[in-house]
Amino acid sequence: MNQNFPLRVGLFGIGLEAYWPQFEGLKPRLEGYLGQMAAKLGRPGVEVSNLGLIDSPEKAMEAGHAMRRADVDIIFLHVTTYALSSTVLPVVQRAKVPVIILNLQPVAAMDYKNFNKMGDRTKMTGEWLAHCGACPVPEIANAFNRARIGFHQVTGTLQPGDPAWKEIDDWIEAARVAHIMAHNRLGLMGHYYNGMLDIHTDTTRQVAYFGGH
């Protein structure tokens, strides 16, 4: 891969700014999940732009411009907790690159036995919000469909060994292949002879679909 053009991956999580003063410890907890994801996405030849938790429409607009400036090739949206689709759509609209929705819970199931012993309704709600990443996924998917933004979804947990990590690796490698093709230098040798179908190459179509120079 051309070192001047590394694969650039955009990453962001979501939430609601109204949550943070209400539920102590929720924001740093979600930021921890996002940091874990950023570490997993990073690898040789890949630059990760982690924009953090986007929790308002204003921040979403700023993040959308940041994605463009970062020249990302693919965006991973980590659905960290419930959030409004208005905090998501502006982030990806301007980038016009593939979007992968990460519907990943921190664990396979909540510890309901201890959860029900908490007693404090505010603390219980905060704990629930740390595990409800799947809640806004249908709303986000609907918004993407109506806005004609193509996306794919990976569902699973953040736990080591979860099959979701293999899917995420596959998306990174697919993006890497597309990135290499988009920056390839294509050279043709010899002369075409009419009728020799094995050597005909439509370079216009090649560059139109894959890129190159």
N, C-alpha and C. Protein backbone atom coordinates (compact mmCIF):
# COMPACT_ATOMS: atom_id res chain seq x y z
N MET A 1 0.84 -1.19 0.00
CA MET A 1 0.00 0.00 0.00
C MET A 1 0.88 1.24 0.00
N ASN A 2 0.48 2.26 -0.78
CA ASN A 2 1.20 3.52 -0.81
C ASN A 2 1.15 4.17 0.57
N GLN A 3 2.34 4.38 1.17
CA GLN A 3 2.39 4.93 2.52
C GLN A 3 1.90 6.37 2.58
N ASN A 4 1.86 7.05 1.42
CA ASN A 4 1.34 8.41 1.40
C ASN A 4 -0.17 8.45 1.53
N PHE A 5 -0.81 7.31 1.29
CA PHE A 5 -2.27 7.24 1.35
C PHE A 5 -2.69 6.03 2.19
N PRO A 6 -2.54 6.10 3.51
CA PRO A 6 -2.97 4.97 4.35
C PRO A 6 -4.49 4.85 4.36
N LEU A 7 -4.98 3.68 4.70
CA LEU A 7 -6.42 3.49 4.86
C LEU A 7 -6.87 4.31 6.07
N ARG A 8 -7.85 5.16 5.86
CA ARG A 8 -8.33 6.03 6.94
C ARG A 8 -9.73 5.58 7.37
N VAL A 9 -9.85 5.26 8.64
CA VAL A 9 -11.10 4.75 9.21
C VAL A 9 -11.68 5.79 10.15
N GLY A 10 -12.95 6.13 9.94
CA GLY A 10 -13.65 7.05 10.84
C GLY A 10 -14.44 6.26 11.87
N LEU A 11 -14.43 6.73 13.11
CA LEU A 11 -15.14 6.06 14.20
C LEU A 11 -15.81 7.11 15.08
N PHE A 12 -17.05 6.83 15.47
CA PHE A 12 -17.70 7.68 16.47
C PHE A 12 -18.75 6.88 17.23
N GLY A 13 -19.01 7.31 18.45
CA GLY A 13 -20.07 6.74 19.26
C GLY A 13 -21.17 7.77 19.43
N ILE A 14 -22.27 7.38 20.04
CA ILE A 14 -23.39 8.30 20.17
C ILE A 14 -23.99 8.25 21.57
N GLY A 15 -24.71 9.31 21.91
CA GLY A 15 -25.40 9.40 23.19
C GLY A 15 -26.24 10.66 23.20
N LEU A 16 -26.76 11.02 24.35
CA LEU A 16 -27.53 12.26 24.51
C LEU A 16 -26.86 13.10 25.58
N GLU A 17 -26.56 14.36 25.26
CA GLU A 17 -25.87 15.20 26.23
C GLU A 17 -26.67 15.38 27.51
N ALA A 18 -27.99 15.22 27.46
CA ALA A 18 -28.82 15.35 28.66
C ALA A 18 -28.57 14.23 29.65
N TYR A 19 -27.99 13.12 29.17
CA TYR A 19 -27.74 11.98 30.07
C TYR A 19 -26.62 12.26 31.07
N TRP A 20 -25.58 12.94 30.63
CA TRP A 20 -24.33 12.99 31.41
C TRP A 20 -24.50 13.58 32.81
N PRO A 21 -25.23 14.71 32.98
CA PRO A 21 -25.40 15.20 34.36
C PRO A 21 -26.36 14.35 35.19
N GLN A 22 -27.18 13.55 34.53
CA GLN A 22 -28.16 12.74 35.25
C GLN A 22 -27.58 11.43 35.77
N PHE A 23 -26.69 10.83 34.97
CA PHE A 23 -26.23 9.48 35.29
C PHE A 23 -24.71 9.48 35.45
N GLU A 24 -24.29 9.53 36.68
CA GLU A 24 -22.87 9.62 37.01
C GLU A 24 -22.10 8.41 36.48
N GLY A 25 -21.00 8.69 35.82
CA GLY A 25 -20.13 7.63 35.33
C GLY A 25 -20.51 7.04 33.98
N LEU A 26 -21.69 7.41 33.45
CA LEU A 26 -22.13 6.81 32.19
C LEU A 26 -21.24 7.24 31.03
N LYS A 27 -20.95 8.53 30.92
CA LYS A 27 -20.17 9.01 29.78
C LYS A 27 -18.78 8.39 29.73
N PRO A 28 -17.99 8.42 30.83
CA PRO A 28 -16.66 7.78 30.75
C PRO A 28 -16.74 6.29 30.48
N ARG A 29 -17.79 5.66 30.92
CA ARG A 29 -17.96 4.23 30.66
C ARG A 29 -18.14 3.99 29.16
N LEU A 30 -18.99 4.78 28.53
CA LEU A 30 -19.22 4.64 27.10
C LEU A 30 -17.97 5.02 26.31
N GLU A 31 -17.26 6.04 26.78
CA GLU A 31 -16.00 6.42 26.12
C GLU A 31 -14.98 5.30 26.22
N GLY A 32 -15.05 4.54 27.30
CA GLY A 32 -14.17 3.37 27.43
C GLY A 32 -14.48 2.32 26.39
N TYR A 33 -15.78 2.07 26.14
CA TYR A 33 -16.17 1.13 25.09
C TYR A 33 -15.64 1.60 23.74
N LEU A 34 -15.77 2.91 23.50
CA LEU A 34 -15.34 3.48 22.22
C LEU A 34 -13.82 3.39 22.06
N GLY A 35 -13.10 3.62 23.15
CA GLY A 35 -11.65 3.49 23.11
C GLY A 35 -11.23 2.06 22.82
N GLN A 36 -11.97 1.12 23.38
CA GLN A 36 -11.70 -0.30 23.12
C GLN A 36 -11.88 -0.60 21.64
N MET A 37 -12.92 -0.02 21.04
CA MET A 37 -13.17 -0.24 19.62
C MET A 37 -12.07 0.40 18.78
N ALA A 38 -11.65 1.61 19.13
CA ALA A 38 -10.59 2.28 18.38
C ALA A 38 -9.31 1.47 18.39
N ALA A 39 -8.99 0.88 19.54
CA ALA A 39 -7.78 0.06 19.65
C ALA A 39 -7.88 -1.18 18.77
N LYS A 40 -9.07 -1.75 18.67
CA LYS A 40 -9.26 -2.95 17.85
C LYS A 40 -9.17 -2.63 16.36
N LEU A 41 -9.66 -1.46 15.97
CA LEU A 41 -9.64 -1.09 14.55
C LEU A 41 -8.24 -0.72 14.08
N GLY A 42 -7.44 -0.18 14.96
CA GLY A 42 -6.10 0.24 14.58
C GLY A 42 -5.19 -0.94 14.30
N ARG A 43 -4.39 -0.80 13.25
CA ARG A 43 -3.43 -1.84 12.83
C ARG A 43 -2.47 -1.21 11.83
N PRO A 44 -1.38 -1.88 11.47
CA PRO A 44 -0.44 -1.31 10.51
C PRO A 44 -1.12 -0.92 9.20
N GLY A 45 -0.83 0.27 8.73
CA GLY A 45 -1.41 0.74 7.48
C GLY A 45 -2.79 1.34 7.61
N VAL A 46 -3.29 1.44 8.85
CA VAL A 46 -4.64 1.98 9.08
C VAL A 46 -4.56 3.14 10.07
N GLU A 47 -5.14 4.27 9.70
CA GLU A 47 -5.25 5.41 10.59
C GLU A 47 -6.70 5.53 11.06
N VAL A 48 -6.90 5.57 12.37
CA VAL A 48 -8.25 5.66 12.93
C VAL A 48 -8.49 7.08 13.43
N SER A 49 -9.56 7.69 12.93
CA SER A 49 -9.99 9.00 13.42
C SER A 49 -11.17 8.79 14.35
N ASN A 50 -10.90 8.81 15.65
CA ASN A 50 -11.94 8.59 16.66
C ASN A 50 -12.51 9.95 17.07
N LEU A 51 -13.73 10.24 16.67
CA LEU A 51 -14.35 11.53 16.97
C LEU A 51 -15.07 11.54 18.31
N GLY A 52 -15.00 10.44 19.04
CA GLY A 52 -15.59 10.41 20.37
C GLY A 52 -17.10 10.26 20.35
N LEU A 53 -17.74 10.63 21.45
CA LEU A 53 -19.19 10.53 21.57
C LEU A 53 -19.85 11.77 20.96
N ILE A 54 -20.70 11.56 19.99
CA ILE A 54 -21.47 12.65 19.39
C ILE A 54 -22.84 12.66 20.07
N ASP A 55 -23.14 13.75 20.79
CA ASP A 55 -24.34 13.73 21.64
C ASP A 55 -25.29 14.89 21.39
N SER A 56 -25.11 15.62 20.27
CA SER A 56 -26.03 16.70 19.93
C SER A 56 -25.99 16.92 18.42
N PRO A 57 -27.07 17.50 17.84
CA PRO A 57 -27.06 17.78 16.41
C PRO A 57 -25.93 18.72 16.00
N GLU A 58 -25.58 19.67 16.89
CA GLU A 58 -24.50 20.61 16.57
C GLU A 58 -23.16 19.88 16.46
N LYS A 59 -22.91 18.98 17.40
CA LYS A 59 -21.67 18.20 17.35
C LYS A 59 -21.68 17.27 16.14
N ALA A 60 -22.87 16.80 15.76
CA ALA A 60 -22.98 15.92 14.60
C ALA A 60 -22.56 16.65 13.33
N MET A 61 -22.99 17.90 13.20
CA MET A 61 -22.61 18.68 12.03
C MET A 61 -21.10 18.91 11.99
N GLU A 62 -20.53 19.26 13.14
CA GLU A 62 -19.08 19.45 13.22
C GLU A 62 -18.34 18.16 12.87
N ALA A 63 -18.86 17.04 13.36
CA ALA A 63 -18.22 15.75 13.10
C ALA A 63 -18.30 15.39 11.62
N GLY A 64 -19.41 15.77 10.97
CA GLY A 64 -19.53 15.50 9.54
C GLY A 64 -18.44 16.19 8.74
N HIS A 65 -18.14 17.44 9.09
CA HIS A 65 -17.05 18.16 8.42
C HIS A 65 -15.70 17.55 8.78
N ALA A 66 -15.57 17.10 10.03
CA ALA A 66 -14.31 16.47 10.46
C ALA A 66 -14.05 15.19 9.68
N MET A 67 -15.10 14.43 9.41
CA MET A 67 -14.94 13.20 8.62
C MET A 67 -14.43 13.53 7.23
N ARG A 68 -14.97 14.60 6.63
CA ARG A 68 -14.53 15.00 5.30
C ARG A 68 -13.06 15.44 5.33
N ARG A 69 -12.72 16.22 6.35
CA ARG A 69 -11.32 16.70 6.44
C ARG A 69 -10.35 15.54 6.64
N ALA A 70 -10.81 14.51 7.37
CA ALA A 70 -9.95 13.35 7.63
C ALA A 70 -9.84 12.44 6.41
N ASP A 71 -10.67 12.68 5.39
CA ASP A 71 -10.62 11.89 4.16
C ASP A 71 -10.78 10.40 4.45
N VAL A 72 -11.79 10.06 5.26
CA VAL A 72 -11.97 8.66 5.67
C VAL A 72 -12.47 7.82 4.50
N ASP A 73 -12.10 6.55 4.51
CA ASP A 73 -12.51 5.60 3.48
C ASP A 73 -13.72 4.78 3.91
N ILE A 74 -13.93 4.66 5.21
CA ILE A 74 -15.04 3.88 5.76
C ILE A 74 -15.34 4.43 7.15
N ILE A 75 -16.61 4.38 7.55
CA ILE A 75 -17.02 4.88 8.86
C ILE A 75 -17.63 3.76 9.68
N PHE A 76 -17.17 3.63 10.91
CA PHE A 76 -17.78 2.70 11.87
C PHE A 76 -18.55 3.52 12.91
N LEU A 77 -19.84 3.28 12.98
CA LEU A 77 -20.70 3.92 13.98
C LEU A 77 -20.93 2.95 15.12
N HIS A 78 -20.31 3.22 16.26
CA HIS A 78 -20.49 2.37 17.44
C HIS A 78 -21.69 2.89 18.21
N VAL A 79 -22.78 2.14 18.19
CA VAL A 79 -24.01 2.55 18.87
C VAL A 79 -23.84 2.24 20.36
N THR A 80 -23.31 3.20 21.10
CA THR A 80 -22.92 2.96 22.48
C THR A 80 -24.08 2.99 23.46
N THR A 81 -25.11 3.78 23.15
CA THR A 81 -26.31 3.84 24.00
C THR A 81 -27.42 4.46 23.18
N TYR A 82 -28.57 4.69 23.81
CA TYR A 82 -29.65 5.31 23.05
C TYR A 82 -29.27 6.72 22.64
N ALA A 83 -29.64 7.09 21.42
CA ALA A 83 -29.41 8.44 20.92
C ALA A 83 -30.40 8.70 19.80
N LEU A 84 -30.55 9.95 19.46
CA LEU A 84 -31.48 10.35 18.39
C LEU A 84 -30.80 10.24 17.03
N SER A 85 -31.58 9.89 16.02
CA SER A 85 -31.01 9.78 14.68
C SER A 85 -30.51 11.13 14.17
N SER A 86 -31.00 12.23 14.75
CA SER A 86 -30.52 13.56 14.34
C SER A 86 -29.08 13.80 14.76
N THR A 87 -28.56 12.98 15.67
CA THR A 87 -27.15 13.10 16.07
C THR A 87 -26.26 12.16 15.26
N VAL A 88 -26.87 11.45 14.32
CA VAL A 88 -26.12 10.47 13.53
C VAL A 88 -26.04 10.87 12.06
N LEU A 89 -27.18 11.21 11.49
CA LEU A 89 -27.26 11.45 10.05
C LEU A 89 -26.26 12.50 9.55
N PRO A 90 -26.13 13.66 10.22
CA PRO A 90 -25.18 14.66 9.70
C PRO A 90 -23.72 14.21 9.72
N VAL A 91 -23.40 13.23 10.55
CA VAL A 91 -22.00 12.78 10.64
C VAL A 91 -21.60 12.05 9.36
N VAL A 92 -22.51 11.27 8.80
CA VAL A 92 -22.16 10.41 7.67
C VAL A 92 -22.59 10.97 6.32
N GLN A 93 -23.50 11.94 6.32
CA GLN A 93 -24.05 12.43 5.06
C GLN A 93 -22.98 12.99 4.13
N ARG A 94 -22.06 13.76 4.65
CA ARG A 94 -21.08 14.45 3.82
C ARG A 94 -19.95 13.55 3.36
N ALA A 95 -19.68 12.50 4.13
CA ALA A 95 -18.52 11.65 3.84
C ALA A 95 -18.70 10.82 2.58
N LYS A 96 -19.93 10.32 2.38
CA LYS A 96 -20.25 9.50 1.20
C LYS A 96 -19.30 8.31 1.05
N VAL A 97 -19.11 7.60 2.16
CA VAL A 97 -18.30 6.37 2.17
C VAL A 97 -19.12 5.28 2.85
N PRO A 98 -18.72 4.02 2.72
CA PRO A 98 -19.46 2.94 3.39
C PRO A 98 -19.57 3.16 4.89
N VAL A 99 -20.74 2.83 5.44
CA VAL A 99 -21.00 2.99 6.87
C VAL A 99 -21.31 1.62 7.47
N ILE A 100 -20.63 1.29 8.56
CA ILE A 100 -20.87 0.04 9.28
C ILE A 100 -21.44 0.38 10.65
N ILE A 101 -22.66 -0.06 10.92
CA ILE A 101 -23.28 0.13 12.23
C ILE A 101 -22.82 -0.99 13.14
N LEU A 102 -22.17 -0.63 14.24
CA LEU A 102 -21.71 -1.62 15.21
C LEU A 102 -22.72 -1.73 16.34
N ASN A 103 -23.56 -2.75 16.26
CA ASN A 103 -24.58 -3.01 17.27
C ASN A 103 -23.98 -4.01 18.27
N LEU A 104 -23.09 -3.50 19.11
CA LEU A 104 -22.32 -4.36 20.00
C LEU A 104 -22.62 -4.05 21.46
N GLN A 105 -23.15 -5.02 22.17
CA GLN A 105 -23.40 -4.86 23.59
C GLN A 105 -22.10 -5.12 24.37
N PRO A 106 -21.94 -4.50 25.53
CA PRO A 106 -20.71 -4.75 26.31
C PRO A 106 -20.59 -6.19 26.77
N VAL A 107 -21.72 -6.83 27.09
CA VAL A 107 -21.74 -8.23 27.51
C VAL A 107 -22.95 -8.91 26.87
N ALA A 108 -22.99 -10.23 26.93
CA ALA A 108 -24.09 -10.97 26.31
C ALA A 108 -25.42 -10.73 27.02
N ALA A 109 -25.38 -10.49 28.33
CA ALA A 109 -26.61 -10.26 29.10
C ALA A 109 -26.28 -9.45 30.35
N MET A 110 -27.22 -8.62 30.75
CA MET A 110 -27.04 -7.86 31.99
C MET A 110 -27.08 -8.80 33.19
N ASP A 111 -26.44 -8.37 34.26
CA ASP A 111 -26.49 -9.10 35.52
C ASP A 111 -27.76 -8.65 36.26
N TYR A 112 -28.88 -9.25 35.89
CA TYR A 112 -30.17 -8.78 36.42
C TYR A 112 -30.30 -9.02 37.92
N LYS A 113 -29.64 -10.03 38.43
CA LYS A 113 -29.73 -10.30 39.86
C LYS A 113 -29.21 -9.12 40.66
N ASN A 114 -28.02 -8.65 40.31
CA ASN A 114 -27.45 -7.49 41.00
C ASN A 114 -28.11 -6.19 40.57
N PHE A 115 -28.56 -6.14 39.32
CA PHE A 115 -29.25 -4.95 38.83
C PHE A 115 -30.50 -4.67 39.65
N ASN A 116 -31.27 -5.71 39.93
CA ASN A 116 -32.51 -5.53 40.69
C ASN A 116 -32.26 -5.22 42.16
N LYS A 117 -31.04 -5.41 42.62
CA LYS A 117 -30.71 -5.10 44.01
C LYS A 117 -30.24 -3.65 44.18
N MET A 118 -30.07 -2.93 43.09
CA MET A 118 -29.51 -1.58 43.18
C MET A 118 -30.41 -0.64 43.98
N GLY A 119 -31.71 -0.78 43.80
CA GLY A 119 -32.64 0.01 44.61
C GLY A 119 -32.84 1.44 44.15
N ASP A 120 -31.81 2.09 43.68
CA ASP A 120 -31.88 3.48 43.24
C ASP A 120 -32.28 3.51 41.76
N ARG A 121 -33.42 4.12 41.47
CA ARG A 121 -33.95 4.12 40.10
C ARG A 121 -33.04 4.87 39.13
N THR A 122 -32.43 5.93 39.60
CA THR A 122 -31.53 6.68 38.72
C THR A 122 -30.31 5.84 38.35
N LYS A 123 -29.74 5.16 39.33
CA LYS A 123 -28.59 4.30 39.06
C LYS A 123 -28.99 3.13 38.16
N MET A 124 -30.19 2.61 38.37
CA MET A 124 -30.67 1.51 37.53
C MET A 124 -30.83 1.96 36.08
N THR A 125 -31.36 3.17 35.90
CA THR A 125 -31.52 3.69 34.54
C THR A 125 -30.16 3.90 33.87
N GLY A 126 -29.20 4.44 34.63
CA GLY A 126 -27.86 4.62 34.08
C GLY A 126 -27.22 3.31 33.68
N GLU A 127 -27.42 2.28 34.50
CA GLU A 127 -26.88 0.95 34.18
C GLU A 127 -27.54 0.39 32.93
N TRP A 128 -28.85 0.59 32.84
CA TRP A 128 -29.58 0.11 31.66
C TRP A 128 -29.08 0.83 30.40
N LEU A 129 -28.85 2.14 30.50
CA LEU A 129 -28.38 2.90 29.34
C LEU A 129 -27.01 2.44 28.87
N ALA A 130 -26.22 1.90 29.78
CA ALA A 130 -24.90 1.38 29.41
C ALA A 130 -25.00 0.07 28.64
N HIS A 131 -26.20 -0.51 28.60
CA HIS A 131 -26.39 -1.79 27.92
C HIS A 131 -27.44 -1.73 26.81
N CYS A 132 -27.90 -0.53 26.45
CA CYS A 132 -29.05 -0.47 25.52
C CYS A 132 -28.65 0.04 24.14
N GLY A 133 -27.45 -0.31 23.70
CA GLY A 133 -27.00 0.14 22.40
C GLY A 133 -27.90 -0.29 21.25
N ALA A 134 -28.58 -1.42 21.41
CA ALA A 134 -29.43 -1.92 20.32
C ALA A 134 -30.69 -1.08 20.15
N CYS A 135 -31.06 -0.31 21.18
CA CYS A 135 -32.35 0.40 21.15
C CYS A 135 -32.52 1.33 19.94
N PRO A 136 -31.55 2.19 19.61
CA PRO A 136 -31.77 3.12 18.51
C PRO A 136 -31.41 2.58 17.13
N VAL A 137 -30.93 1.35 17.06
CA VAL A 137 -30.48 0.83 15.76
C VAL A 137 -31.60 0.84 14.71
N PRO A 138 -32.84 0.41 15.02
CA PRO A 138 -33.90 0.48 14.00
C PRO A 138 -34.17 1.92 13.54
N GLU A 139 -34.16 2.86 14.47
CA GLU A 139 -34.39 4.27 14.10
C GLU A 139 -33.28 4.77 13.18
N ILE A 140 -32.05 4.43 13.51
CA ILE A 140 -30.91 4.86 12.69
C ILE A 140 -30.97 4.21 11.31
N ALA A 141 -31.28 2.92 11.27
CA ALA A 141 -31.38 2.22 9.99
C ALA A 141 -32.47 2.83 9.11
N ASN A 142 -33.60 3.17 9.72
CA ASN A 142 -34.69 3.79 8.97
C ASN A 142 -34.25 5.15 8.41
N ALA A 143 -33.56 5.94 9.23
CA ALA A 143 -33.09 7.24 8.76
C ALA A 143 -32.11 7.09 7.61
N PHE A 144 -31.21 6.13 7.70
CA PHE A 144 -30.25 5.89 6.62
C PHE A 144 -30.97 5.45 5.34
N ASN A 145 -31.95 4.57 5.48
CA ASN A 145 -32.69 4.10 4.30
C ASN A 145 -33.41 5.26 3.62
N ARG A 146 -34.07 6.09 4.42
CA ARG A 146 -34.82 7.20 3.84
C ARG A 146 -33.90 8.25 3.23
N ALA A 147 -32.70 8.37 3.78
CA ALA A 147 -31.71 9.32 3.24
C ALA A 147 -30.87 8.69 2.13
N ARG A 148 -31.16 7.44 1.80
CA ARG A 148 -30.43 6.70 0.76
C ARG A 148 -28.94 6.62 1.07
N ILE A 149 -28.64 6.34 2.32
CA ILE A 149 -27.27 6.11 2.75
C ILE A 149 -27.07 4.62 2.94
N GLY A 150 -26.21 4.02 2.14
CA GLY A 150 -25.97 2.59 2.27
C GLY A 150 -25.24 2.26 3.56
N PHE A 151 -25.61 1.16 4.17
CA PHE A 151 -24.96 0.77 5.43
C PHE A 151 -25.02 -0.74 5.59
N HIS A 152 -24.17 -1.25 6.46
CA HIS A 152 -24.20 -2.64 6.87
C HIS A 152 -24.14 -2.67 8.39
N GLN A 153 -24.50 -3.80 8.96
CA GLN A 153 -24.58 -3.89 10.42
C GLN A 153 -23.83 -5.11 10.92
N VAL A 154 -23.11 -4.92 12.02
CA VAL A 154 -22.45 -6.01 12.73
C VAL A 154 -23.07 -6.09 14.12
N THR A 155 -23.58 -7.26 14.48
CA THR A 155 -24.24 -7.44 15.77
C THR A 155 -23.47 -8.45 16.61
N GLY A 156 -23.30 -8.14 17.89
CA GLY A 156 -22.60 -9.05 18.78
C GLY A 156 -22.29 -8.37 20.09
N THR A 157 -21.15 -8.72 20.68
CA THR A 157 -20.72 -8.12 21.94
C THR A 157 -19.27 -7.65 21.83
N LEU A 158 -18.84 -6.91 22.83
CA LEU A 158 -17.45 -6.45 22.88
C LEU A 158 -16.52 -7.49 23.49
N GLN A 159 -17.07 -8.62 23.87
CA GLN A 159 -16.28 -9.63 24.56
C GLN A 159 -15.26 -10.29 23.62
N PRO A 160 -14.06 -10.60 24.12
CA PRO A 160 -13.05 -11.29 23.30
C PRO A 160 -13.60 -12.60 22.75
N GLY A 161 -13.28 -12.89 21.51
CA GLY A 161 -13.72 -14.13 20.90
C GLY A 161 -15.10 -14.07 20.28
N ASP A 162 -15.80 -12.96 20.44
CA ASP A 162 -17.13 -12.85 19.82
C ASP A 162 -16.98 -12.85 18.30
N PRO A 163 -17.86 -13.56 17.57
CA PRO A 163 -17.77 -13.61 16.11
C PRO A 163 -17.83 -12.23 15.45
N ALA A 164 -18.37 -11.25 16.16
CA ALA A 164 -18.47 -9.90 15.58
C ALA A 164 -17.10 -9.34 15.22
N TRP A 165 -16.08 -9.69 15.99
CA TRP A 165 -14.74 -9.16 15.71
C TRP A 165 -14.22 -9.65 14.36
N LYS A 166 -14.55 -10.89 14.00
CA LYS A 166 -14.15 -11.41 12.69
C LYS A 166 -14.84 -10.63 11.58
N GLU A 167 -16.12 -10.31 11.78
CA GLU A 167 -16.84 -9.51 10.79
C GLU A 167 -16.21 -8.13 10.63
N ILE A 168 -15.84 -7.53 11.76
CA ILE A 168 -15.21 -6.21 11.71
C ILE A 168 -13.88 -6.28 10.97
N ASP A 169 -13.09 -7.31 11.25
CA ASP A 169 -11.82 -7.50 10.53
C ASP A 169 -12.06 -7.64 9.04
N ASP A 170 -13.11 -8.38 8.67
CA ASP A 170 -13.43 -8.56 7.25
C ASP A 170 -13.76 -7.23 6.58
N TRP A 171 -14.49 -6.36 7.29
CA TRP A 171 -14.81 -5.06 6.72
C TRP A 171 -13.57 -4.19 6.56
N ILE A 172 -12.66 -4.27 7.51
CA ILE A 172 -11.41 -3.52 7.39
C ILE A 172 -10.62 -4.00 6.18
N GLU A 173 -10.55 -5.32 6.01
CA GLU A 173 -9.80 -5.86 4.88
C GLU A 173 -10.47 -5.54 3.55
N ALA A 174 -11.80 -5.55 3.52
CA ALA A 174 -12.52 -5.17 2.30
C ALA A 174 -12.24 -3.71 1.95
N ALA A 175 -12.25 -2.86 2.98
CA ALA A 175 -11.95 -1.44 2.76
C ALA A 175 -10.51 -1.26 2.29
N ARG A 176 -9.60 -2.10 2.82
CA ARG A 176 -8.20 -2.02 2.41
C ARG A 176 -8.05 -2.37 0.93
N VAL A 177 -8.74 -3.42 0.48
CA VAL A 177 -8.67 -3.81 -0.93
C VAL A 177 -9.20 -2.69 -1.82
N ALA A 178 -10.36 -2.14 -1.45
CA ALA A 178 -10.94 -1.05 -2.25
C ALA A 178 -10.00 0.15 -2.27
N HIS A 179 -9.37 0.42 -1.14
CA HIS A 179 -8.43 1.55 -1.03
C HIS A 179 -7.21 1.34 -1.92
N ILE A 180 -6.68 0.13 -1.92
CA ILE A 180 -5.52 -0.19 -2.77
C ILE A 180 -5.89 -0.04 -4.24
N MET A 181 -7.08 -0.56 -4.62
CA MET A 181 -7.52 -0.44 -6.01
C MET A 181 -7.69 1.02 -6.41
N ALA A 182 -8.20 1.84 -5.48
CA ALA A 182 -8.44 3.25 -5.79
C ALA A 182 -7.14 4.03 -5.98
N HIS A 183 -6.04 3.51 -5.43
CA HIS A 183 -4.76 4.21 -5.53
C HIS A 183 -3.74 3.46 -6.39
N ASN A 184 -4.22 2.45 -7.15
CA ASN A 184 -3.28 1.65 -7.92
C ASN A 184 -2.76 2.42 -9.13
N ARG A 185 -1.59 2.01 -9.58
CA ARG A 185 -1.01 2.56 -10.80
C ARG A 185 -1.05 1.46 -11.84
N LEU A 186 -1.92 1.59 -12.82
CA LEU A 186 -2.16 0.53 -13.80
C LEU A 186 -1.35 0.78 -15.06
N GLY A 187 -0.55 -0.21 -15.44
CA GLY A 187 0.22 -0.11 -16.66
C GLY A 187 -0.15 -1.23 -17.62
N LEU A 188 -0.25 -0.94 -18.92
CA LEU A 188 -0.58 -1.93 -19.93
C LEU A 188 0.59 -2.06 -20.90
N MET A 189 0.94 -3.31 -21.22
CA MET A 189 2.05 -3.56 -22.13
C MET A 189 1.54 -4.25 -23.39
N GLY A 190 2.16 -3.95 -24.51
CA GLY A 190 1.80 -4.61 -25.75
C GLY A 190 0.74 -3.85 -26.52
N HIS A 191 0.32 -4.42 -27.65
CA HIS A 191 -0.68 -3.80 -28.51
C HIS A 191 -1.88 -4.72 -28.61
N TYR A 192 -3.07 -4.10 -28.62
CA TYR A 192 -4.31 -4.88 -28.77
C TYR A 192 -4.44 -5.37 -30.21
N TYR A 193 -4.98 -6.57 -30.33
CA TYR A 193 -5.27 -7.12 -31.66
C TYR A 193 -6.73 -7.51 -31.65
N ASN A 194 -7.49 -6.96 -32.57
CA ASN A 194 -8.93 -7.16 -32.60
C ASN A 194 -9.29 -8.64 -32.61
N GLY A 195 -10.17 -9.02 -31.68
CA GLY A 195 -10.62 -10.41 -31.61
C GLY A 195 -9.94 -11.23 -30.54
N MET A 196 -8.81 -10.77 -30.03
CA MET A 196 -8.12 -11.51 -28.96
C MET A 196 -8.74 -11.09 -27.62
N LEU A 197 -9.81 -11.79 -27.23
CA LEU A 197 -10.61 -11.38 -26.08
C LEU A 197 -9.85 -11.47 -24.77
N ASP A 198 -8.78 -12.25 -24.73
CA ASP A 198 -8.07 -12.43 -23.46
C ASP A 198 -7.23 -11.21 -23.08
N ILE A 199 -6.98 -10.30 -24.02
CA ILE A 199 -6.13 -9.17 -23.66
C ILE A 199 -6.87 -7.83 -23.68
N HIS A 200 -8.13 -7.84 -24.01
CA HIS A 200 -8.87 -6.57 -24.01
C HIS A 200 -9.09 -6.09 -22.59
N THR A 201 -8.80 -4.84 -22.31
CA THR A 201 -9.02 -4.23 -21.00
C THR A 201 -9.69 -2.88 -21.19
N ASP A 202 -10.84 -2.70 -20.56
CA ASP A 202 -11.54 -1.42 -20.62
C ASP A 202 -11.02 -0.56 -19.47
N THR A 203 -10.00 0.22 -19.74
CA THR A 203 -9.38 1.02 -18.67
C THR A 203 -10.31 2.10 -18.14
N THR A 204 -11.19 2.59 -18.98
CA THR A 204 -12.15 3.59 -18.49
C THR A 204 -13.04 3.00 -17.42
N ARG A 205 -13.56 1.81 -17.69
CA ARG A 205 -14.42 1.15 -16.71
C ARG A 205 -13.63 0.80 -15.45
N GLN A 206 -12.39 0.35 -15.64
CA GLN A 206 -11.53 0.01 -14.50
C GLN A 206 -11.39 1.19 -13.55
N VAL A 207 -11.04 2.35 -14.10
CA VAL A 207 -10.83 3.54 -13.27
C VAL A 207 -12.15 4.08 -12.73
N ALA A 208 -13.22 3.97 -13.52
CA ALA A 208 -14.52 4.48 -13.08
C ALA A 208 -15.04 3.73 -11.87
N TYR A 209 -14.83 2.41 -11.85
CA TYR A 209 -15.36 1.59 -10.76
C TYR A 209 -14.41 1.50 -9.57
N PHE A 210 -13.13 1.37 -9.84
CA PHE A 210 -12.17 1.11 -8.77
C PHE A 210 -11.26 2.29 -8.44
N GLY A 211 -11.14 3.24 -9.36
CA GLY A 211 -10.19 4.32 -9.17
C GLY A 211 -8.85 3.95 -9.76
N GLY A 212 -7.83 4.71 -9.42
CA GLY A 212 -6.49 4.46 -9.97
C GLY A 212 -5.98 5.69 -10.71
N HIS A 213 -4.79 5.54 -11.25
CA HIS A 213 -4.22 6.66 -12.00
C HIS A 213 -3.11 6.13 -12.92
